[in-house]
Amino acid sequence: MVFSVWVRRVQEEPSHNDGTRVLVDRIWPRGVKKSDAALDDWNRDVAPSTELRKWYGHDPEKFDEFSKRYHSELDTAAGREALQRLRDSVRGKRLTLLSATKDIDHSQAAVLAKMLDGS
């Protein structure tokens, strides 16, 4: 199945052309009501481990190493299963990965989008 992947902040207003909306954070974002998020799924298992997330601390200088470590986490049985669940959740031609991070370009959602785009 081929679909396009978008990355957005969960705090942004949902768009009519978002397609399937999936939150890819391990913990629920503060200040966001579940009813306002307009999610199709919340895939916590595809998010980085708590240890990796804390190590990274959303420091853009660590992004390349974060990406490598995150890829390693996803290259496990549990990681592959979570990725497959994410792929299987897509209905249609567009997947929008949501995260609460302020720097969406240096987030796990950006890493996932690059992995999934065109898969």
Protein backbone atom coordinates (compact mmCIF):
# COMPACT_ATOMS: atom_id res chain seq x y z
CA MET A 1 0.00 0.00 0.00
CA VAL A 2 1.37 3.39 -1.00
CA PHE A 3 0.38 6.45 0.97
CA SER A 4 1.79 9.87 1.71
CA VAL A 5 2.92 10.71 5.21
CA TRP A 6 2.50 14.08 6.88
CA VAL A 7 3.76 15.22 10.27
CA ARG A 8 1.87 17.70 12.44
CA ARG A 9 1.59 18.82 16.03
CA VAL A 10 -1.37 17.29 17.85
CA GLN A 11 -2.22 20.76 19.16
CA GLU A 12 -2.94 22.00 15.62
CA GLU A 13 -6.51 22.10 14.39
CA PRO A 14 -7.36 18.93 12.45
CA SER A 15 -7.54 19.39 8.70
CA HIS A 16 -10.12 17.77 6.42
CA ASN A 17 -7.29 16.32 4.30
CA ASP A 18 -5.23 14.79 7.15
CA GLY A 19 -6.32 11.28 6.26
CA THR A 20 -5.66 8.80 9.05
CA ARG A 21 -4.50 10.67 12.17
CA VAL A 22 -2.23 8.74 14.55
CA LEU A 23 -0.58 10.04 17.70
CA VAL A 24 2.93 8.55 17.95
CA ASP A 25 3.91 9.81 21.43
CA ARG A 26 4.34 7.38 24.32
CA ILE A 27 2.56 9.66 26.80
CA TRP A 28 -0.61 11.68 26.31
CA PRO A 29 0.16 15.37 25.58
CA ARG A 30 -0.59 17.79 28.38
CA GLY A 31 -3.41 20.23 27.79
CA VAL A 32 -4.95 18.26 24.93
CA LYS A 33 -8.41 16.80 25.40
CA LYS A 34 -8.84 13.41 23.79
CA SER A 35 -12.03 14.62 22.14
CA ASP A 36 -10.20 17.60 20.59
CA ALA A 37 -7.34 15.54 19.13
CA ALA A 38 -9.59 13.87 16.53
CA LEU A 39 -7.43 10.74 16.46
CA ASP A 40 -7.95 7.56 14.52
CA ASP A 41 -5.35 5.79 16.66
CA TRP A 42 -2.80 6.30 19.40
CA ASN A 43 0.16 4.04 18.72
CA ARG A 44 2.31 4.32 21.86
CA ASP A 45 4.29 1.23 20.97
CA VAL A 46 5.87 2.87 17.93
CA ALA A 47 7.17 5.76 20.06
CA PRO A 48 10.76 5.81 21.35
CA SER A 49 11.41 4.13 24.68
CA THR A 50 11.23 6.30 27.78
CA GLU A 51 14.99 5.92 28.20
CA LEU A 52 15.71 7.10 24.64
CA ARG A 53 13.22 9.95 24.90
CA LYS A 54 14.80 11.19 28.14
CA TRP A 55 18.33 10.86 26.76
CA TYR A 56 17.39 12.81 23.63
CA GLY A 57 15.58 15.62 25.46
CA HIS A 58 14.58 17.09 22.07
CA ASP A 59 18.09 18.47 21.63
CA PRO A 60 18.50 19.06 17.85
CA GLU A 61 22.27 18.47 18.17
CA LYS A 62 21.52 14.88 19.24
CA PHE A 63 18.98 14.26 16.44
CA ASP A 64 21.23 12.19 14.18
CA GLU A 65 22.23 9.88 17.04
CA PHE A 66 18.62 9.80 18.26
CA SER A 67 17.50 8.72 14.78
CA LYS A 68 20.06 5.87 14.74
CA ARG A 69 19.06 4.67 18.20
CA TYR A 70 15.37 4.96 17.36
CA HIS A 71 15.87 2.93 14.17
CA SER A 72 17.55 0.27 16.32
CA GLU A 73 14.55 0.18 18.63
CA LEU A 74 12.22 -0.17 15.68
CA ASP A 75 14.37 -2.98 14.28
CA THR A 76 13.25 -5.36 17.02
CA ALA A 77 10.31 -7.74 17.00
CA ALA A 78 8.22 -5.32 19.06
CA GLY A 79 9.29 -2.38 16.91
CA ARG A 80 8.45 -4.13 13.67
CA GLU A 81 5.07 -5.14 15.09
CA ALA A 82 4.33 -1.54 16.10
CA LEU A 83 5.35 -0.28 12.64
CA GLN A 84 3.12 -2.86 10.99
CA ARG A 85 0.21 -1.80 13.21
CA LEU A 86 0.86 1.78 12.12
CA ARG A 87 0.85 0.78 8.44
CA ASP A 88 -2.29 -1.29 8.94
CA SER A 89 -4.11 1.63 10.56
CA VAL A 90 -3.97 3.71 7.37
CA ARG A 91 -7.26 3.99 5.54
CA GLY A 92 -6.86 5.81 2.28
CA LYS A 93 -3.90 7.58 0.75
CA ARG A 94 -2.67 9.82 3.59
CA LEU A 95 -1.27 9.25 7.07
CA THR A 96 -0.75 12.14 9.45
CA LEU A 97 1.62 11.39 12.30
CA LEU A 98 0.94 13.55 15.35
CA SER A 99 3.25 14.54 18.16
CA ALA A 100 3.16 17.09 20.95
CA THR A 101 6.77 18.14 20.41
CA LYS A 102 7.39 21.79 19.60
CA ASP A 103 10.14 20.96 17.06
CA ILE A 104 8.31 18.56 14.79
CA ASP A 105 11.24 18.40 12.32
CA HIS A 106 13.45 16.87 15.04
CA SER A 107 10.94 14.40 16.42
CA GLN A 108 10.18 10.70 16.29
CA ALA A 109 7.29 11.57 13.99
CA ALA A 110 9.76 13.00 11.46
CA VAL A 111 11.89 9.84 11.68
CA LEU A 112 8.83 7.64 11.22
CA ALA A 113 7.57 9.70 8.29
CA LYS A 114 10.88 9.29 6.50
CA MET A 115 10.78 5.53 7.12
CA LEU A 116 7.17 5.12 6.02
CA ASP A 117 6.91 7.55 3.13
CA GLY A 118 6.11 5.50 0.09
CA SER A 119 6.17 2.16 1.93
